Amino acid sequence: MAEKTLKDAFYETLKDVYYAEKAGVKSLKKAARSAQSKELKAALTEHGEQSQHQIERLQQVFEILGKPARAKTCEAMQGITSEMEEDLEDFAGSEAADDVLIGCAQAVEHYEIARYGVLKTWAKKLGLNEAESLLAETLEEEKQSDEKLSQIAESLTASGQNEEPKSDEDEEKDNKEAEAKLKQKPKVA
């Protein structure tokens, strides 16, 4: 078996982020429908549309490599989107819904920022200048989306600010319920 190279790692990571980006588009659409704040709804919708262009850029990078645009299941993104779905269900209609939604959306953004950052660096090392430029453009968009989400989060009214803090007993009860819920979930292979 031939030794793996940085170009192999680049291609595998590219397939991973291609999957992640496609999954992210679906999650953003669902999140936008769930958002209560008009500003958050607009930001998520806008980023979903922007992500379509990011997918097109990834397809261009595959072309530069002379490889077909193929997705490889990204377990990290599956976990993030699964958590987002749970949180959307758990907090739907609550005062904290938009705050929680922003946290979930930022988890997606941070994952994508990490992936695009490393791909951009590797493209530069590999002398793939056009790919580096395409990846840099997407990386900047992801960072801007993350910043916009932070700004929206700061502008939202704090929910639960007049609530009494939970007692240790209530916290322990919540933790036990969460552990029981985790044990019921089937494990992803």
N, C-alpha and C. Protein backbone atom coordinates (compact mmCIF):
# COMPACT_ATOMS: atom_id res chain seq x y z
N MET A 1 0.85 -1.18 0.00
CA MET A 1 0.00 0.00 0.00
C MET A 1 0.89 1.25 0.00
N ALA A 2 0.57 2.17 -0.87
CA ALA A 2 1.36 3.39 -0.99
C ALA A 2 1.17 4.27 0.25
N GLU A 3 2.23 4.97 0.57
CA GLU A 3 2.19 5.87 1.72
C GLU A 3 1.25 7.05 1.42
N LYS A 4 0.47 7.42 2.42
CA LYS A 4 -0.47 8.53 2.27
C LYS A 4 0.30 9.85 2.24
N THR A 5 -0.22 10.78 1.45
CA THR A 5 0.43 12.08 1.30
C THR A 5 -0.50 13.20 1.77
N LEU A 6 0.03 14.40 1.80
CA LEU A 6 -0.78 15.56 2.15
C LEU A 6 -1.88 15.76 1.11
N LYS A 7 -1.58 15.44 -0.13
CA LYS A 7 -2.60 15.56 -1.18
C LYS A 7 -3.76 14.60 -0.91
N ASP A 8 -3.46 13.41 -0.40
CA ASP A 8 -4.51 12.45 -0.01
C ASP A 8 -5.35 13.03 1.13
N ALA A 9 -4.68 13.60 2.12
CA ALA A 9 -5.38 14.20 3.26
C ALA A 9 -6.25 15.35 2.79
N PHE A 10 -5.73 16.14 1.87
CA PHE A 10 -6.48 17.27 1.32
C PHE A 10 -7.76 16.77 0.66
N TYR A 11 -7.65 15.74 -0.17
CA TYR A 11 -8.79 15.19 -0.89
C TYR A 11 -9.83 14.61 0.07
N GLU A 12 -9.37 13.86 1.06
CA GLU A 12 -10.30 13.26 2.03
C GLU A 12 -11.01 14.33 2.85
N THR A 13 -10.30 15.36 3.25
CA THR A 13 -10.89 16.45 4.03
C THR A 13 -11.85 17.26 3.16
N LEU A 14 -11.52 17.40 1.90
CA LEU A 14 -12.39 18.09 0.96
C LEU A 14 -13.73 17.35 0.83
N LYS A 15 -13.68 16.03 0.75
CA LYS A 15 -14.91 15.22 0.68
C LYS A 15 -15.72 15.38 1.96
N ASP A 16 -15.02 15.44 3.08
CA ASP A 16 -15.65 15.62 4.38
C ASP A 16 -16.39 16.96 4.46
N VAL A 17 -15.73 18.03 4.07
CA VAL A 17 -16.35 19.36 4.16
C VAL A 17 -17.45 19.52 3.10
N TYR A 18 -17.34 18.81 2.01
CA TYR A 18 -18.40 18.82 0.99
C TYR A 18 -19.68 18.24 1.58
N TYR A 19 -19.55 17.14 2.28
CA TYR A 19 -20.69 16.54 2.99
C TYR A 19 -21.21 17.52 4.04
N ALA A 20 -20.29 18.07 4.83
CA ALA A 20 -20.67 18.98 5.92
C ALA A 20 -21.42 20.19 5.39
N GLU A 21 -20.97 20.72 4.29
CA GLU A 21 -21.60 21.91 3.71
C GLU A 21 -23.01 21.58 3.24
N LYS A 22 -23.17 20.44 2.59
CA LYS A 22 -24.50 20.03 2.13
C LYS A 22 -25.44 19.80 3.32
N ALA A 23 -24.94 19.15 4.35
CA ALA A 23 -25.74 18.92 5.56
C ALA A 23 -26.06 20.26 6.23
N GLY A 24 -25.11 21.17 6.19
CA GLY A 24 -25.30 22.49 6.79
C GLY A 24 -26.42 23.27 6.11
N VAL A 25 -26.53 23.14 4.80
CA VAL A 25 -27.60 23.82 4.06
C VAL A 25 -28.96 23.36 4.57
N LYS A 26 -29.11 22.05 4.72
CA LYS A 26 -30.38 21.50 5.21
C LYS A 26 -30.66 22.00 6.63
N SER A 27 -29.65 22.00 7.48
CA SER A 27 -29.82 22.45 8.86
C SER A 27 -30.17 23.93 8.94
N LEU A 28 -29.53 24.72 8.08
CA LEU A 28 -29.81 26.17 8.08
C LEU A 28 -31.25 26.45 7.67
N LYS A 29 -31.76 25.70 6.71
CA LYS A 29 -33.15 25.89 6.29
C LYS A 29 -34.09 25.59 7.45
N LYS A 30 -33.84 24.49 8.13
CA LYS A 30 -34.68 24.09 9.26
C LYS A 30 -34.56 25.12 10.39
N ALA A 31 -33.34 25.57 10.65
CA ALA A 31 -33.10 26.55 11.71
C ALA A 31 -33.80 27.87 11.38
N ALA A 32 -33.72 28.29 10.12
CA ALA A 32 -34.36 29.56 9.71
C ALA A 32 -35.87 29.49 9.94
N ARG A 33 -36.47 28.34 9.66
CA ARG A 33 -37.91 28.19 9.88
C ARG A 33 -38.24 28.26 11.37
N SER A 34 -37.31 27.83 12.22
CA SER A 34 -37.54 27.79 13.67
C SER A 34 -37.25 29.11 14.36
N ALA A 35 -36.45 29.96 13.73
CA ALA A 35 -36.05 31.21 14.37
C ALA A 35 -37.24 32.12 14.62
N GLN A 36 -37.24 32.75 15.78
CA GLN A 36 -38.31 33.69 16.14
C GLN A 36 -37.94 35.11 15.75
N SER A 37 -36.68 35.48 15.91
CA SER A 37 -36.19 36.81 15.57
C SER A 37 -36.12 36.95 14.04
N LYS A 38 -36.67 38.05 13.54
CA LYS A 38 -36.61 38.30 12.09
C LYS A 38 -35.17 38.42 11.63
N GLU A 39 -34.34 39.06 12.44
CA GLU A 39 -32.94 39.25 12.09
C GLU A 39 -32.20 37.91 12.00
N LEU A 40 -32.48 37.02 12.95
CA LEU A 40 -31.86 35.70 12.95
C LEU A 40 -32.36 34.88 11.77
N LYS A 41 -33.65 34.92 11.52
CA LYS A 41 -34.25 34.20 10.39
C LYS A 41 -33.59 34.64 9.08
N ALA A 42 -33.43 35.96 8.92
CA ALA A 42 -32.81 36.51 7.71
C ALA A 42 -31.35 36.08 7.59
N ALA A 43 -30.62 36.12 8.71
CA ALA A 43 -29.20 35.75 8.68
C ALA A 43 -29.03 34.28 8.32
N LEU A 44 -29.86 33.42 8.88
CA LEU A 44 -29.76 31.98 8.59
C LEU A 44 -30.15 31.69 7.14
N THR A 45 -31.18 32.35 6.67
CA THR A 45 -31.61 32.18 5.27
C THR A 45 -30.52 32.64 4.32
N GLU A 46 -29.95 33.80 4.62
CA GLU A 46 -28.88 34.36 3.79
C GLU A 46 -27.67 33.42 3.76
N HIS A 47 -27.31 32.89 4.92
CA HIS A 47 -26.14 32.00 4.95
C HIS A 47 -26.44 30.67 4.24
N GLY A 48 -27.68 30.22 4.29
CA GLY A 48 -28.06 29.02 3.55
C GLY A 48 -27.86 29.22 2.06
N GLU A 49 -28.25 30.39 1.56
CA GLU A 49 -28.05 30.71 0.15
C GLU A 49 -26.57 30.84 -0.18
N GLN A 50 -25.83 31.46 0.73
CA GLN A 50 -24.39 31.61 0.56
C GLN A 50 -23.71 30.23 0.52
N SER A 51 -24.22 29.32 1.31
CA SER A 51 -23.64 27.97 1.36
C SER A 51 -23.78 27.25 0.03
N GLN A 52 -24.83 27.57 -0.72
CA GLN A 52 -24.97 26.98 -2.06
C GLN A 52 -23.77 27.38 -2.94
N HIS A 53 -23.36 28.63 -2.82
CA HIS A 53 -22.20 29.11 -3.58
C HIS A 53 -20.91 28.45 -3.07
N GLN A 54 -20.86 28.20 -1.77
CA GLN A 54 -19.69 27.54 -1.20
C GLN A 54 -19.58 26.11 -1.71
N ILE A 55 -20.71 25.45 -1.89
CA ILE A 55 -20.71 24.09 -2.46
C ILE A 55 -20.19 24.14 -3.90
N GLU A 56 -20.61 25.15 -4.65
CA GLU A 56 -20.11 25.32 -6.02
C GLU A 56 -18.59 25.53 -6.03
N ARG A 57 -18.09 26.31 -5.08
CA ARG A 57 -16.64 26.52 -4.99
C ARG A 57 -15.93 25.21 -4.70
N LEU A 58 -16.51 24.41 -3.80
CA LEU A 58 -15.90 23.11 -3.49
C LEU A 58 -15.87 22.23 -4.75
N GLN A 59 -16.92 22.29 -5.54
CA GLN A 59 -16.93 21.52 -6.79
C GLN A 59 -15.81 21.98 -7.72
N GLN A 60 -15.53 23.28 -7.71
CA GLN A 60 -14.42 23.80 -8.52
C GLN A 60 -13.08 23.26 -8.01
N VAL A 61 -12.95 23.14 -6.68
CA VAL A 61 -11.70 22.60 -6.12
C VAL A 61 -11.54 21.14 -6.52
N PHE A 62 -12.63 20.38 -6.49
CA PHE A 62 -12.55 18.99 -6.96
C PHE A 62 -12.07 18.96 -8.42
N GLU A 63 -12.60 19.86 -9.25
CA GLU A 63 -12.20 19.93 -10.66
C GLU A 63 -10.71 20.23 -10.78
N ILE A 64 -10.22 21.14 -9.96
CA ILE A 64 -8.79 21.49 -9.97
C ILE A 64 -7.96 20.24 -9.69
N LEU A 65 -8.43 19.41 -8.79
CA LEU A 65 -7.73 18.17 -8.45
C LEU A 65 -7.91 17.09 -9.51
N GLY A 66 -8.87 17.30 -10.42
CA GLY A 66 -9.16 16.28 -11.42
C GLY A 66 -9.91 15.10 -10.82
N LYS A 67 -10.67 15.37 -9.78
CA LYS A 67 -11.42 14.32 -9.07
C LYS A 67 -12.90 14.65 -9.11
N PRO A 68 -13.74 13.61 -9.03
CA PRO A 68 -15.18 13.88 -8.97
C PRO A 68 -15.56 14.47 -7.62
N ALA A 69 -16.57 15.33 -7.64
CA ALA A 69 -17.07 15.93 -6.39
C ALA A 69 -17.86 14.85 -5.65
N ARG A 70 -17.26 14.34 -4.60
CA ARG A 70 -17.89 13.28 -3.80
C ARG A 70 -17.87 13.66 -2.34
N ALA A 71 -18.96 13.34 -1.69
CA ALA A 71 -19.04 13.59 -0.25
C ALA A 71 -18.66 12.32 0.51
N LYS A 72 -18.00 12.52 1.62
CA LYS A 72 -17.69 11.44 2.56
C LYS A 72 -18.41 11.77 3.85
N THR A 73 -19.17 10.81 4.36
CA THR A 73 -19.95 11.06 5.57
C THR A 73 -19.07 11.68 6.64
N CYS A 74 -19.53 12.81 7.14
CA CYS A 74 -18.80 13.54 8.18
C CYS A 74 -19.51 13.30 9.51
N GLU A 75 -18.93 12.45 10.32
CA GLU A 75 -19.55 12.11 11.60
C GLU A 75 -19.64 13.32 12.53
N ALA A 76 -18.67 14.21 12.43
CA ALA A 76 -18.71 15.42 13.27
C ALA A 76 -19.94 16.25 12.93
N MET A 77 -20.20 16.47 11.65
CA MET A 77 -21.36 17.27 11.25
C MET A 77 -22.65 16.52 11.58
N GLN A 78 -22.66 15.21 11.45
CA GLN A 78 -23.84 14.45 11.84
C GLN A 78 -24.15 14.67 13.31
N GLY A 79 -23.11 14.68 14.14
CA GLY A 79 -23.30 14.91 15.57
C GLY A 79 -23.80 16.31 15.86
N ILE A 80 -23.22 17.28 15.20
CA ILE A 80 -23.62 18.68 15.41
C ILE A 80 -25.07 18.90 14.97
N THR A 81 -25.44 18.36 13.80
CA THR A 81 -26.80 18.56 13.32
C THR A 81 -27.81 17.77 14.15
N SER A 82 -27.41 16.61 14.64
CA SER A 82 -28.28 15.83 15.52
C SER A 82 -28.55 16.60 16.82
N GLU A 83 -27.49 17.18 17.36
CA GLU A 83 -27.63 17.99 18.57
C GLU A 83 -28.52 19.20 18.32
N MET A 84 -28.38 19.81 17.14
CA MET A 84 -29.20 20.96 16.78
C MET A 84 -30.68 20.55 16.74
N GLU A 85 -30.97 19.42 16.14
CA GLU A 85 -32.35 18.96 16.06
C GLU A 85 -32.94 18.72 17.45
N GLU A 86 -32.15 18.12 18.33
CA GLU A 86 -32.60 17.89 19.70
C GLU A 86 -32.89 19.22 20.40
N ASP A 87 -31.96 20.15 20.26
CA ASP A 87 -32.12 21.45 20.91
C ASP A 87 -33.31 22.22 20.34
N LEU A 88 -33.52 22.12 19.03
CA LEU A 88 -34.67 22.80 18.42
C LEU A 88 -35.97 22.25 19.01
N GLU A 89 -36.00 20.94 19.20
CA GLU A 89 -37.18 20.31 19.78
C GLU A 89 -37.34 20.68 21.25
N ASP A 90 -36.25 20.59 22.01
CA ASP A 90 -36.31 20.86 23.45
C ASP A 90 -36.66 22.32 23.79
N PHE A 91 -36.20 23.26 22.97
CA PHE A 91 -36.38 24.68 23.29
C PHE A 91 -37.39 25.38 22.38
N ALA A 92 -38.06 24.64 21.51
CA ALA A 92 -39.02 25.23 20.57
C ALA A 92 -40.04 26.09 21.32
N GLY A 93 -40.21 27.31 20.85
CA GLY A 93 -41.20 28.21 21.43
C GLY A 93 -40.82 28.85 22.75
N SER A 94 -39.67 28.49 23.30
CA SER A 94 -39.26 29.07 24.59
C SER A 94 -38.56 30.41 24.37
N GLU A 95 -38.38 31.14 25.47
CA GLU A 95 -37.66 32.42 25.40
C GLU A 95 -36.21 32.22 24.96
N ALA A 96 -35.67 31.06 25.27
CA ALA A 96 -34.26 30.79 24.96
C ALA A 96 -34.05 30.20 23.57
N ALA A 97 -35.13 29.96 22.82
CA ALA A 97 -35.04 29.25 21.54
C ALA A 97 -34.01 29.87 20.58
N ASP A 98 -34.08 31.17 20.38
CA ASP A 98 -33.17 31.80 19.43
C ASP A 98 -31.72 31.77 19.93
N ASP A 99 -31.54 31.95 21.23
CA ASP A 99 -30.17 31.88 21.78
C ASP A 99 -29.58 30.48 21.56
N VAL A 100 -30.39 29.48 21.83
CA VAL A 100 -29.94 28.10 21.65
C VAL A 100 -29.67 27.82 20.17
N LEU A 101 -30.53 28.32 19.33
CA LEU A 101 -30.38 28.15 17.89
C LEU A 101 -29.08 28.78 17.40
N ILE A 102 -28.77 29.95 17.91
CA ILE A 102 -27.51 30.62 17.53
C ILE A 102 -26.32 29.77 17.98
N GLY A 103 -26.39 29.23 19.19
CA GLY A 103 -25.31 28.38 19.67
C GLY A 103 -25.09 27.18 18.77
N CYS A 104 -26.18 26.57 18.33
CA CYS A 104 -26.08 25.43 17.42
C CYS A 104 -25.51 25.84 16.06
N ALA A 105 -26.00 26.96 15.53
CA ALA A 105 -25.51 27.45 14.24
C ALA A 105 -24.03 27.79 14.31
N GLN A 106 -23.60 28.34 15.44
CA GLN A 106 -22.19 28.67 15.59
C GLN A 106 -21.32 27.42 15.70
N ALA A 107 -21.87 26.35 16.25
CA ALA A 107 -21.12 25.09 16.28
C ALA A 107 -20.84 24.63 14.86
N VAL A 108 -21.83 24.76 13.98
CA VAL A 108 -21.65 24.42 12.57
C VAL A 108 -20.58 25.33 11.96
N GLU A 109 -20.71 26.63 12.21
CA GLU A 109 -19.75 27.59 11.64
C GLU A 109 -18.33 27.31 12.10
N HIS A 110 -18.17 27.04 13.38
CA HIS A 110 -16.82 26.82 13.91
C HIS A 110 -16.19 25.56 13.32
N TYR A 111 -16.99 24.54 13.12
CA TYR A 111 -16.47 23.33 12.48
C TYR A 111 -16.02 23.66 11.06
N GLU A 112 -16.88 24.38 10.33
CA GLU A 112 -16.54 24.72 8.95
C GLU A 112 -15.32 25.64 8.89
N ILE A 113 -15.22 26.58 9.81
CA ILE A 113 -14.06 27.46 9.85
C ILE A 113 -12.78 26.64 10.04
N ALA A 114 -12.83 25.68 10.94
CA ALA A 114 -11.66 24.83 11.18
C ALA A 114 -11.29 24.06 9.92
N ARG A 115 -12.28 23.49 9.25
CA ARG A 115 -12.01 22.69 8.06
C ARG A 115 -11.49 23.55 6.90
N TYR A 116 -12.15 24.68 6.65
CA TYR A 116 -11.70 25.54 5.55
C TYR A 116 -10.32 26.12 5.85
N GLY A 117 -10.04 26.40 7.10
CA GLY A 117 -8.72 26.93 7.46
C GLY A 117 -7.61 25.95 7.14
N VAL A 118 -7.81 24.70 7.52
CA VAL A 118 -6.77 23.69 7.25
C VAL A 118 -6.68 23.40 5.76
N LEU A 119 -7.82 23.35 5.06
CA LEU A 119 -7.77 23.10 3.61
C LEU A 119 -7.04 24.23 2.88
N LYS A 120 -7.28 25.47 3.29
CA LYS A 120 -6.60 26.61 2.68
C LYS A 120 -5.09 26.50 2.89
N THR A 121 -4.69 26.16 4.10
CA THR A 121 -3.26 26.01 4.42
C THR A 121 -2.63 24.89 3.59
N TRP A 122 -3.33 23.77 3.50
CA TRP A 122 -2.81 22.64 2.74
C TRP A 122 -2.74 22.97 1.24
N ALA A 123 -3.76 23.69 0.73
CA ALA A 123 -3.75 24.08 -0.69
C ALA A 123 -2.50 24.91 -0.99
N LYS A 124 -2.18 25.81 -0.06
CA LYS A 124 -0.99 26.64 -0.25
C LYS A 124 0.27 25.77 -0.26
N LYS A 125 0.38 24.84 0.69
CA LYS A 125 1.54 23.94 0.74
C LYS A 125 1.67 23.10 -0.52
N LEU A 126 0.52 22.73 -1.08
CA LEU A 126 0.51 21.87 -2.26
C LEU A 126 0.65 22.66 -3.56
N GLY A 127 0.72 23.99 -3.46
CA GLY A 127 0.85 24.83 -4.66
C GLY A 127 -0.43 24.91 -5.47
N LEU A 128 -1.56 24.68 -4.82
CA LEU A 128 -2.86 24.75 -5.49
C LEU A 128 -3.43 26.15 -5.29
N ASN A 129 -2.84 27.11 -5.98
CA ASN A 129 -3.15 28.52 -5.76
C ASN A 129 -4.61 28.87 -6.00
N GLU A 130 -5.20 28.34 -7.07
CA GLU A 130 -6.61 28.64 -7.36
C GLU A 130 -7.51 28.04 -6.27
N ALA A 131 -7.20 26.83 -5.85
CA ALA A 131 -7.97 26.19 -4.78
C ALA A 131 -7.82 26.99 -3.49
N GLU A 132 -6.61 27.43 -3.21
CA GLU A 132 -6.36 28.23 -2.00
C GLU A 132 -7.24 29.49 -2.01
N SER A 133 -7.32 30.14 -3.15
CA SER A 133 -8.12 31.36 -3.28
C SER A 133 -9.61 31.07 -3.05
N LEU A 134 -10.11 30.00 -3.64
CA LEU A 134 -11.51 29.62 -3.48
C LEU A 134 -11.82 29.30 -2.02
N LEU A 135 -10.93 28.56 -1.38
CA LEU A 135 -11.13 28.18 0.02
C LEU A 135 -11.02 29.39 0.95
N ALA A 136 -10.12 30.30 0.62
CA ALA A 136 -9.97 31.53 1.43
C ALA A 136 -11.24 32.36 1.37
N GLU A 137 -11.87 32.43 0.20
CA GLU A 137 -13.10 33.19 0.05
C GLU A 137 -14.20 32.60 0.95
N THR A 138 -14.32 31.29 0.93
CA THR A 138 -15.33 30.63 1.76
C THR A 138 -15.00 30.79 3.23
N LEU A 139 -13.73 30.66 3.59
CA LEU A 139 -13.32 30.81 4.98
C LEU A 139 -13.74 32.18 5.52
N GLU A 140 -13.52 33.22 4.74
CA GLU A 140 -13.90 34.57 5.17
C GLU A 140 -15.42 34.69 5.33
N GLU A 141 -16.17 34.09 4.43
CA GLU A 141 -17.63 34.12 4.55
C GLU A 141 -18.09 33.43 5.83
N GLU A 142 -17.46 32.29 6.15
CA GLU A 142 -17.83 31.56 7.36
C GLU A 142 -17.52 32.40 8.61
N LYS A 143 -16.39 33.05 8.61
CA LYS A 143 -16.03 33.91 9.75
C LYS A 143 -17.01 35.06 9.89
N GLN A 144 -17.42 35.66 8.76
CA GLN A 144 -18.38 36.76 8.79
C GLN A 144 -19.73 36.28 9.31
N SER A 145 -20.14 35.09 8.90
CA SER A 145 -21.42 34.54 9.38
C SER A 145 -21.37 34.30 10.88
N ASP A 146 -20.26 33.79 11.36
CA ASP A 146 -20.09 33.56 12.79
C ASP A 146 -20.17 34.89 13.55
N GLU A 147 -19.51 35.91 13.04
CA GLU A 147 -19.53 37.23 13.68
C GLU A 147 -20.94 37.80 13.70
N LYS A 148 -21.65 37.64 12.59
CA LYS A 148 -23.03 38.13 12.52
C LYS A 148 -23.91 37.43 13.55
N LEU A 149 -23.73 36.12 13.71
CA LEU A 149 -24.49 35.38 14.71
C LEU A 149 -24.18 35.88 16.12
N SER A 150 -22.91 36.19 16.37
CA SER A 150 -22.54 36.74 17.68
C SER A 150 -23.22 38.07 17.93
N GLN A 151 -23.25 38.91 16.92
CA GLN A 151 -23.91 40.22 17.06
C GLN A 151 -25.41 40.06 17.33
N ILE A 152 -26.04 39.14 16.63
CA ILE A 152 -27.47 38.90 16.85
C ILE A 152 -27.69 38.38 18.27
N ALA A 153 -26.83 37.46 18.69
CA ALA A 153 -26.95 36.90 20.05
C ALA A 153 -26.86 37.99 21.10
N GLU A 154 -25.96 38.94 20.92
CA GLU A 154 -25.79 40.02 21.87
C GLU A 154 -26.99 40.96 21.88
N SER A 155 -27.69 41.05 20.75
CA SER A 155 -28.83 41.97 20.67
C SER A 155 -30.13 41.37 21.21
N LEU A 156 -30.17 40.05 21.38
CA LEU A 156 -31.38 39.42 21.90
C LEU A 156 -31.53 39.71 23.39
N THR A 157 -32.76 39.86 23.83
CA THR A 157 -33.05 40.07 25.25
C THR A 157 -32.72 38.78 25.98
N ALA A 158 -32.05 38.91 27.10
CA ALA A 158 -31.68 37.73 27.89
C ALA A 158 -32.93 37.06 28.41
N SER A 159 -33.02 35.76 28.18
CA SER A 159 -34.17 35.02 28.70
C SER A 159 -33.84 34.47 30.07
N GLY A 160 -34.85 34.35 30.89
CA GLY A 160 -34.67 33.76 32.21
C GLY A 160 -33.89 34.62 33.18
N GLN A 161 -33.74 35.90 32.88
CA GLN A 161 -32.91 36.75 33.75
C GLN A 161 -33.53 36.98 35.12
N ASN A 162 -34.84 36.77 35.25
CA ASN A 162 -35.49 36.97 36.54
C ASN A 162 -35.74 35.66 37.27
N GLU A 163 -35.28 34.56 36.71
CA GLU A 163 -35.50 33.26 37.33
C GLU A 163 -34.54 33.05 38.50
N GLU A 164 -35.01 32.26 39.45
CA GLU A 164 -34.14 31.85 40.56
C GLU A 164 -33.19 30.78 40.04
N PRO A 165 -31.95 30.79 40.49
CA PRO A 165 -31.03 29.73 40.06
C PRO A 165 -31.55 28.38 40.56
N LYS A 166 -31.24 27.33 39.79
CA LYS A 166 -31.67 25.98 40.18
C LYS A 166 -30.93 25.54 41.43
N SER A 167 -31.64 24.78 42.26
CA SER A 167 -30.99 24.20 43.43
C SER A 167 -30.12 23.04 42.99
N ASP A 168 -29.21 22.62 43.88
CA ASP A 168 -28.35 21.48 43.57
C ASP A 168 -29.19 20.24 43.32
N GLU A 169 -30.28 20.09 44.06
CA GLU A 169 -31.16 18.93 43.88
C GLU A 169 -31.81 18.94 42.49
N ASP A 170 -32.26 20.14 42.05
CA ASP A 170 -32.87 20.24 40.73
C ASP A 170 -31.84 19.95 39.63
N GLU A 171 -30.63 20.47 39.81
CA GLU A 171 -29.56 20.21 38.84
C GLU A 171 -29.27 18.72 38.75
N GLU A 172 -29.18 18.06 39.91
CA GLU A 172 -28.90 16.62 39.95
C GLU A 172 -30.02 15.85 39.26
N LYS A 173 -31.25 16.23 39.50
CA LYS A 173 -32.40 15.57 38.87
C LYS A 173 -32.32 15.74 37.34
N ASP A 174 -32.03 16.96 36.89
CA ASP A 174 -31.90 17.22 35.45
C ASP A 174 -30.79 16.39 34.83
N ASN A 175 -29.65 16.29 35.55
CA ASN A 175 -28.52 15.50 35.05
C ASN A 175 -28.89 14.03 34.93
N LYS A 176 -29.61 13.50 35.93
CA LYS A 176 -30.03 12.08 35.88
C LYS A 176 -30.98 11.84 34.72
N GLU A 177 -31.89 12.78 34.49
CA GLU A 177 -32.83 12.66 33.37
C GLU A 177 -32.07 12.69 32.04
N ALA A 178 -31.09 13.54 31.94
CA ALA A 178 -30.29 13.64 30.72
C ALA A 178 -29.50 12.35 30.48
N GLU A 179 -28.91 11.80 31.55
CA GLU A 179 -28.17 10.54 31.42
C GLU A 179 -29.09 9.42 30.99
N ALA A 180 -30.28 9.35 31.55
CA ALA A 180 -31.24 8.31 31.17
C ALA A 180 -31.63 8.45 29.70
N LYS A 181 -31.79 9.69 29.26
CA LYS A 181 -32.14 9.96 27.86
C LYS A 181 -31.01 9.51 26.94
N LEU A 182 -29.76 9.75 27.33
CA LEU A 182 -28.62 9.34 26.53
C LEU A 182 -28.54 7.82 26.40
N LYS A 183 -28.85 7.12 27.48
CA LYS A 183 -28.78 5.66 27.46
C LYS A 183 -29.83 5.07 26.53
N GLN A 184 -30.91 5.78 26.31
CA GLN A 184 -31.98 5.31 25.44
C GLN A 184 -31.65 5.48 23.98
N LYS A 185 -30.78 6.39 23.65
CA LYS A 185 -30.47 6.69 22.26
C LYS A 185 -29.62 5.57 21.66
N PRO A 186 -29.95 5.18 20.41
CA PRO A 186 -29.11 4.19 19.75
C PRO A 186 -27.77 4.82 19.39
N LYS A 187 -26.73 4.05 19.48
CA LYS A 187 -25.40 4.57 19.16
C LYS A 187 -25.19 4.53 17.67
N VAL A 188 -24.55 5.57 17.13
CA VAL A 188 -24.24 5.65 15.70
C VAL A 188 -22.91 4.96 15.47
N ALA A 189 -22.88 4.07 14.51
CA ALA A 189 -21.65 3.32 14.22
C ALA A 189 -20.73 4.10 13.34
